[in-house]
Protein backbone atom coordinates (compact mmCIF):
# COMPACT_ATOMS: atom_id res chain seq x y z
CA MET A 1 0.17 -0.02 -0.04
CA VAL A 2 1.49 3.50 -1.07
CA ASP A 3 1.58 6.10 1.55
CA PHE A 4 0.57 8.99 -0.85
CA ALA A 5 1.05 11.63 1.91
CA GLN A 6 4.53 10.60 2.18
CA ALA A 7 4.93 10.27 -1.48
CA ARG A 8 3.65 13.77 -1.89
CA GLN A 9 5.91 15.17 0.67
CA THR A 10 8.85 13.51 -0.81
CA MET A 11 8.11 14.85 -4.26
CA VAL A 12 8.20 18.52 -2.48
CA ASP A 13 11.34 17.63 -0.62
CA CYS A 14 13.38 16.01 -3.24
CA GLN A 15 12.00 17.45 -6.59
CA VAL A 16 10.58 20.92 -6.13
CA ARG A 17 12.55 22.63 -3.43
CA PRO A 18 15.76 21.54 -4.95
CA ALA A 19 14.76 23.12 -8.24
CA ASP A 20 14.87 26.61 -6.23
CA VAL A 21 11.14 26.67 -5.76
CA THR A 22 10.84 28.72 -2.54
CA ASP A 23 7.21 30.26 -2.91
CA LEU A 24 5.65 28.98 0.30
CA ARG A 25 2.08 29.22 -0.97
CA LEU A 26 3.16 27.20 -4.10
CA ILE A 27 4.94 24.52 -1.97
CA ALA A 28 1.97 24.25 0.42
CA ALA A 29 -0.46 23.81 -2.37
CA LEU A 30 1.69 21.03 -3.85
CA GLY A 31 2.02 19.39 -0.52
CA HIS A 32 -1.67 19.42 -0.02
CA VAL A 33 -3.37 18.54 -3.64
CA ALA A 34 -3.60 14.63 -4.09
CA ARG A 35 -1.97 14.22 -7.45
CA GLU A 36 -2.67 10.59 -7.38
CA ARG A 37 -6.70 11.36 -7.88
CA PHE A 38 -5.85 12.93 -11.03
CA VAL A 39 -4.04 10.17 -13.00
CA PRO A 40 -5.38 6.59 -14.29
CA THR A 41 -5.92 4.18 -11.79
CA ALA A 42 -3.16 1.88 -12.81
CA SER A 43 -0.55 4.71 -12.47
CA ARG A 44 -1.72 5.88 -9.00
CA ALA A 45 1.13 4.10 -7.19
CA VAL A 46 3.76 6.01 -9.56
CA ALA A 47 2.07 9.48 -9.72
CA TYR A 48 4.92 11.17 -7.73
CA LEU A 49 7.91 9.91 -9.66
CA ASP A 50 10.15 12.63 -11.36
CA ARG A 51 8.95 12.35 -14.89
CA ASP A 52 5.89 13.22 -17.07
CA MET A 53 2.89 11.13 -16.31
CA PRO A 54 1.13 9.50 -19.08
CA LEU A 55 -2.82 10.21 -19.05
CA GLY A 56 -3.70 8.33 -22.10
CA GLY A 57 -4.30 9.60 -25.84
CA GLY A 58 -0.93 11.02 -26.06
CA ARG A 59 -1.36 13.27 -23.16
CA ALA A 60 0.55 13.64 -19.85
CA LEU A 61 0.94 15.51 -16.66
CA ILE A 62 4.14 17.54 -16.91
CA LYS A 63 6.66 16.41 -14.39
CA PRO A 64 6.43 18.01 -10.81
CA MET A 65 9.70 20.03 -11.27
CA VAL A 66 8.71 21.89 -14.33
CA PHE A 67 5.17 22.40 -13.24
CA ALA A 68 6.41 23.98 -10.01
CA LYS A 69 8.75 26.28 -11.75
CA LEU A 70 6.28 27.43 -14.35
CA LEU A 71 3.86 28.17 -11.68
CA GLN A 72 6.60 30.10 -9.44
CA ALA A 73 7.50 32.16 -12.60
CA ALA A 74 3.83 33.00 -13.09
CA GLY A 75 3.74 34.78 -9.70
CA VAL A 76 -0.06 33.85 -9.10
CA SER A 77 -1.58 36.11 -6.60
CA ALA A 78 -4.72 35.59 -4.45
CA SER A 79 -6.54 38.03 -6.89
CA ASP A 80 -5.69 36.63 -10.07
CA ARG A 81 -8.02 34.94 -12.65
CA VAL A 82 -6.34 31.94 -14.40
CA LEU A 83 -6.79 29.96 -17.57
CA ASP A 84 -5.30 26.53 -17.39
CA VAL A 85 -4.95 25.10 -20.86
CA GLY A 86 -4.85 21.54 -21.31
CA CYS A 87 -5.87 20.67 -17.64
CA GLY A 88 -6.34 16.82 -18.25
CA ALA A 89 -8.39 15.54 -15.21
CA GLY A 90 -7.68 18.63 -13.32
CA TYR A 91 -4.34 18.35 -11.09
CA SER A 92 -2.87 21.59 -12.35
CA SER A 93 -6.19 23.28 -11.87
CA ALA A 94 -6.64 22.00 -8.43
CA VAL A 95 -3.11 23.40 -7.42
CA LEU A 96 -3.96 26.71 -9.16
CA ALA A 97 -7.13 27.13 -7.33
CA GLU A 98 -5.29 27.20 -3.91
CA LEU A 99 -3.38 30.17 -5.24
CA ALA A 100 -5.80 32.20 -7.35
CA ALA A 101 -9.10 33.72 -6.98
CA SER A 102 -10.74 31.76 -9.90
CA VAL A 103 -9.41 29.02 -12.51
CA VAL A 104 -11.00 28.17 -15.79
CA ALA A 105 -9.78 24.62 -16.31
CA LEU A 106 -9.73 24.16 -20.08
CA GLU A 107 -9.71 20.61 -21.70
CA GLU A 108 -10.71 19.38 -25.32
CA ASP A 109 -10.46 15.69 -24.54
CA ALA A 110 -13.86 14.56 -22.76
CA ALA A 111 -12.15 11.11 -21.97
CA LEU A 112 -9.58 12.88 -19.72
CA ALA A 113 -11.90 15.16 -18.05
CA GLY A 114 -13.42 13.46 -14.76
CA ASP A 115 -15.12 14.85 -11.89
CA ALA A 116 -11.92 15.35 -9.70
CA LEU A 117 -12.61 19.01 -9.75
CA ALA A 118 -16.15 18.89 -8.42
CA GLY A 119 -16.63 20.62 -5.17
CA ILE A 120 -13.79 23.27 -5.84
CA PRO A 121 -15.68 26.55 -5.78
CA ASN A 122 -13.30 28.59 -7.60
CA VAL A 123 -12.76 26.36 -10.55
CA THR A 124 -14.82 26.46 -13.76
CA SER A 125 -14.69 23.54 -16.27
CA ALA A 126 -14.62 24.52 -19.94
CA ARG A 127 -14.49 22.32 -22.94
CA GLY A 128 -13.21 23.49 -26.32
CA PRO A 129 -9.98 23.29 -28.61
CA LEU A 130 -7.15 24.33 -26.59
CA PRO A 131 -5.34 26.86 -28.83
CA ALA A 132 -8.63 29.06 -28.87
CA GLY A 133 -8.36 29.48 -25.15
CA TRP A 134 -11.52 30.52 -23.44
CA PRO A 135 -12.65 34.01 -24.42
CA PRO A 136 -15.77 34.08 -22.37
CA GLY A 137 -13.68 34.39 -19.15
CA ALA A 138 -11.05 36.82 -20.64
CA PRO A 139 -9.06 38.74 -19.83
CA TYR A 140 -6.89 36.49 -17.57
CA ASP A 141 -4.13 37.55 -15.37
CA VAL A 142 -2.27 34.19 -15.80
CA ILE A 143 -2.49 31.63 -18.41
CA VAL A 144 -0.49 28.38 -18.09
CA LEU A 145 -0.08 25.78 -20.85
CA GLN A 146 0.12 22.28 -19.55
CA GLY A 147 2.39 20.94 -22.12
CA SER A 148 4.60 22.38 -24.84
CA THR A 149 3.99 24.61 -27.93
CA GLU A 150 5.92 25.01 -31.00
CA VAL A 151 4.40 28.16 -32.13
CA ALA A 152 3.66 31.48 -30.34
CA PRO A 153 0.19 30.74 -28.77
CA GLU A 154 -1.31 34.17 -30.39
CA SER A 155 -5.00 33.50 -29.49
CA LEU A 156 -4.20 32.96 -25.87
CA LEU A 157 -1.93 36.00 -25.58
CA ALA A 158 -4.87 38.16 -26.79
CA GLN A 159 -6.67 36.83 -23.69
CA LEU A 160 -4.18 38.16 -21.35
CA ALA A 161 -5.22 41.31 -19.14
CA ASP A 162 -2.81 44.04 -19.16
CA GLY A 163 0.20 43.05 -16.99
CA GLY A 164 -0.75 39.38 -17.49
CA ARG A 165 1.68 36.58 -17.75
CA LEU A 166 1.54 33.26 -20.08
CA LEU A 167 3.91 30.41 -19.13
CA ALA A 168 4.56 27.68 -21.41
CA VAL A 169 7.41 25.22 -22.62
CA VAL A 170 8.38 26.27 -26.17
CA GLY A 171 9.79 24.07 -28.37
CA SER A 172 9.80 20.30 -28.65
CA GLY A 173 11.99 17.77 -27.14
CA PRO A 174 14.95 18.38 -24.95
CA ALA A 175 15.64 21.67 -26.53
CA GLY A 176 12.58 23.27 -24.97
CA LYS A 177 12.75 26.50 -22.97
CA ALA A 178 10.26 27.30 -20.14
CA THR A 179 9.09 30.70 -21.37
CA VAL A 180 7.12 33.72 -19.77
CA TYR A 181 5.31 36.06 -22.01
CA ARG A 182 4.19 39.22 -20.52
CA ALA A 183 1.42 41.79 -21.80
CA ALA A 184 1.76 45.34 -21.35
CA GLY A 185 -0.95 47.22 -23.13
CA THR A 186 -0.69 45.88 -26.75
CA ASN A 187 2.85 44.77 -26.44
CA ILE A 188 3.99 41.20 -25.79
CA THR A 189 7.21 40.30 -24.63
CA ALA A 190 8.68 36.83 -24.40
CA GLN A 191 11.61 35.74 -21.85
CA PRO A 192 13.05 32.49 -21.89
CA LEU A 193 13.53 31.04 -18.16
CA PHE A 194 15.16 27.64 -18.01
CA ASP A 195 15.45 24.36 -19.98
CA ALA A 196 12.57 22.26 -20.10
CA SER A 197 10.71 19.63 -21.95
CA ALA A 198 7.09 18.82 -21.94
CA PRO A 199 4.72 16.79 -24.17
CA LEU A 200 3.33 18.66 -27.01
CA LEU A 201 -0.28 19.92 -26.59
CA PRO A 202 -2.66 19.12 -29.39
CA GLY A 203 -3.02 22.13 -31.78
CA PHE A 204 0.23 23.63 -30.85
CA ALA A 205 2.80 21.91 -33.49
CA LYS A 206 4.62 23.99 -35.94
CA ALA A 207 3.06 23.70 -39.47
CA PRO A 208 5.16 21.42 -41.84
CA ALA A 209 7.71 23.18 -43.77
CA PHE A 210 6.89 23.21 -47.77
CA ILE A 211 9.72 21.34 -49.36
CA PHE A 212 10.33 21.86 -53.14
């Protein structure tokens, strides 16, 4: 029998804290939300390993260290409105719900979306194509992509509030860079943060180059 509480604490102590994650609110949220509730039943015993966790359909939870560093870089405050893009069964949204005023949990794959977010009052589940975001809830102070993108997420950037931040792993494979996009009026700047890899989200692949 797995001691999930101990596994969760080990994840925080051995994966998250050593990666220079020092935000105490974030550390508390990661230590509280039961990650095993948001993965396939057969994978619960390994829910806290230091790796991307397959969810099925080519999707995965990004590894805890990358997820934690992205959220720390986002600087989520208790008054922020957040869009969580590609939330899967909702683990990332449950963590964000402990940090922000409200979270829109966006997922396009109905087979992934369960009822694990039911009962969290500041989370709204939304269904639709991930690259389109969720305009009815815009503008957002923070948008987080739960996977990588090979292209600038223009439709999502247009849904940022003034001063808003979008966090994503840009690029595929080991050459990816965790990146923060910031909105200042109509201007968007992009700043690479650290090397990272994450599974490519559907709809965020670069168009194939035309070859003569």
